[in-house]
Structures are given as C-alpha cells and as structure tokens.
Amino acid sequence: MPPSQYVSLDEIRKRFNEGRYFERLQEGEFVAEVTDVGPSRLVVGARSQTLRYRTQQGQTVAIVHQDGDPLGNPAPGRLPDPRYLFDKGVRLRPSALAPHPPLPSGRSRRRG
C-alpha cells in the first residue's frame, strides 16, 4: 500500500490545481465515477455529488465534491473541490491537524 501523508484541504486543493487533475479529466486521461448524490444547497437545479477520478486502469487518483448535473459535469461557474489525492506515489489525506496524523478515535489533544 502506498504511503499516506496527512495534509490540509488547502494543500490538497493546491496540488490538485497544480497537477491539472480537472483538465486531465476533461482531456480523457481520467474517468469520473459519481459515487454519491444529494440535493445541492448552493446551486438551483444542481446536485451535490462526490466523484472518484480513476485512471484508465482503474486506479483512484482523486475524490472530489462538486455541485453538478446528472452526467457528473460541474454546474456552470463551479469547479470540483478535491477531498483526497494520489499524487506522485503518495496518498494525500485531509486532516485538520495536518501535518500531524489524527489521534486514534476517542482521544483528544486537550488536557484537563
């Protein structure tokens, strides 16, 4: 299994944009699969969606959230918001505590 690195969502977004993942999807390098759908609270007529970007061989390279249409296209004026990224052999995972890994379930960093 490839190594994981805990980073902020801002770092995932930065690397997603620098790596041109959305553009590469549009160019056909990746395939998008809608994995979850719900009502959008931001865009009238759109659906809140979670998409998985995969290589042609089936490897997941990104998981994104977007408000989009039933075909998995982002709503006009909106772009995907990445939540997970596989970049240069490393799984980038979000953590509010980045760069420190999250504590095991049920534990707190607060004392007292």
Protein backbone atom coordinates (compact mmCIF):
# COMPACT_ATOMS: atom_id res chain seq x y z
CA MET A 1 0.00 0.00 0.00
CA PRO A 2 1.39 3.46 -0.87
CA PRO A 3 2.39 5.79 1.96
CA SER A 4 -0.10 8.33 3.32
CA GLN A 5 0.60 11.92 4.17
CA TYR A 6 -1.84 13.98 6.24
CA VAL A 7 -2.19 17.49 4.87
CA SER A 8 -4.68 20.33 5.00
CA LEU A 9 -7.51 20.55 2.48
CA ASP A 10 -5.81 23.71 1.16
CA GLU A 11 -2.70 21.64 0.36
CA ILE A 12 -4.82 19.03 -1.44
CA ARG A 13 -6.53 21.78 -3.44
CA LYS A 14 -3.18 23.36 -4.32
CA ARG A 15 -1.71 20.10 -5.59
CA PHE A 16 -4.95 19.21 -7.42
CA ASN A 17 -4.76 22.52 -9.29
CA GLU A 18 -1.00 22.33 -9.92
CA GLY A 19 -1.41 18.77 -11.22
CA ARG A 20 -4.24 19.89 -13.54
CA TYR A 21 -6.41 16.92 -12.47
CA PHE A 22 -9.69 18.50 -13.63
CA GLU A 23 -8.19 19.45 -17.01
CA ARG A 24 -6.71 15.97 -17.37
CA LEU A 25 -10.18 14.52 -16.70
CA GLN A 26 -11.61 16.74 -19.43
CA GLU A 27 -8.85 15.61 -21.81
CA GLY A 28 -9.80 11.96 -21.22
CA GLU A 29 -6.78 10.89 -19.16
CA PHE A 30 -9.08 10.07 -16.22
CA VAL A 31 -12.62 8.72 -15.94
CA ALA A 32 -15.08 10.17 -13.40
CA GLU A 33 -17.49 7.97 -11.47
CA VAL A 34 -20.29 9.57 -9.43
CA THR A 35 -20.31 7.77 -6.06
CA ASP A 36 -22.77 9.86 -4.02
CA VAL A 37 -25.56 12.30 -4.90
CA GLY A 38 -27.78 14.59 -2.87
CA PRO A 39 -29.55 17.93 -3.19
CA SER A 40 -27.37 20.99 -3.70
CA ARG A 41 -27.80 23.78 -1.19
CA LEU A 42 -25.85 26.26 -3.32
CA VAL A 43 -26.86 25.85 -6.97
CA VAL A 44 -30.51 25.71 -8.11
CA GLY A 45 -31.16 22.67 -10.30
CA ALA A 46 -27.80 21.03 -9.49
CA ARG A 47 -26.99 18.01 -7.35
CA SER A 48 -24.33 17.75 -4.66
CA GLN A 49 -22.02 14.99 -5.89
CA THR A 50 -18.99 13.03 -4.84
CA LEU A 51 -16.90 11.80 -7.76
CA ARG A 52 -13.99 9.41 -7.96
CA TYR A 53 -11.39 10.15 -10.65
CA ARG A 54 -9.77 6.96 -11.95
CA THR A 55 -7.01 6.20 -14.40
CA GLN A 56 -7.87 4.14 -17.46
CA GLN A 57 -6.50 1.16 -15.48
CA GLY A 58 -8.95 1.80 -12.62
CA GLN A 59 -6.61 3.36 -10.02
CA THR A 60 -8.25 6.13 -7.95
CA VAL A 61 -6.28 9.38 -8.24
CA ALA A 62 -8.74 11.83 -6.67
CA ILE A 63 -12.03 12.09 -4.84
CA VAL A 64 -13.82 15.41 -5.32
CA HIS A 65 -17.03 17.12 -4.28
CA GLN A 66 -18.96 19.31 -6.69
CA ASP A 67 -22.37 20.72 -7.45
CA GLY A 68 -23.17 19.32 -10.86
CA ASP A 69 -25.52 17.81 -13.40
CA PRO A 70 -26.66 14.16 -13.63
CA LEU A 71 -23.79 13.37 -16.04
CA GLY A 72 -21.13 14.36 -13.49
CA ASN A 73 -20.29 17.74 -15.01
CA PRO A 74 -19.78 20.66 -12.61
CA ALA A 75 -22.51 23.30 -12.51
CA PRO A 76 -21.73 26.41 -14.59
CA GLY A 77 -19.22 28.63 -12.81
CA ARG A 78 -18.31 25.88 -10.31
CA LEU A 79 -15.21 23.68 -10.10
CA PRO A 80 -14.60 20.38 -8.28
CA ASP A 81 -13.34 20.60 -4.69
CA PRO A 82 -10.81 17.78 -4.06
CA ARG A 83 -11.00 15.82 -0.79
CA TYR A 84 -8.39 13.11 -1.48
CA LEU A 85 -5.49 12.96 -3.90
CA PHE A 86 -2.99 10.35 -5.02
CA ASP A 87 -0.01 12.44 -6.10
CA LYS A 88 3.47 11.22 -7.08
CA GLY A 89 3.02 7.89 -5.32
CA VAL A 90 1.68 9.36 -2.05
CA ARG A 91 -1.91 9.29 -0.77
CA LEU A 92 -2.72 12.82 0.43
CA ARG A 93 -5.35 12.59 3.14
CA PRO A 94 -7.07 15.54 4.81
CA SER A 95 -6.57 16.33 8.47
CA ALA A 96 -7.43 19.45 10.43
CA LEU A 97 -4.31 18.63 12.47
CA ALA A 98 -2.01 18.48 9.42
CA PRO A 99 0.82 17.87 9.17
CA HIS A 100 0.30 15.70 12.26
CA PRO A 101 -1.72 12.48 11.84
CA PRO A 102 -5.08 12.34 13.63
CA LEU A 103 -5.19 10.73 17.05
CA PRO A 104 -6.86 7.34 17.43
CA SER A 105 -10.65 7.53 17.73
CA GLY A 106 -11.96 8.84 21.03
CA ARG A 107 -8.79 10.67 22.11
CA SER A 108 -8.42 14.42 22.45
CA ARG A 109 -5.41 16.74 22.32
CA ARG A 110 -6.87 18.84 25.15
CA ARG A 111 -5.64 18.27 28.66
CA GLY A 112 -7.67 18.54 31.81
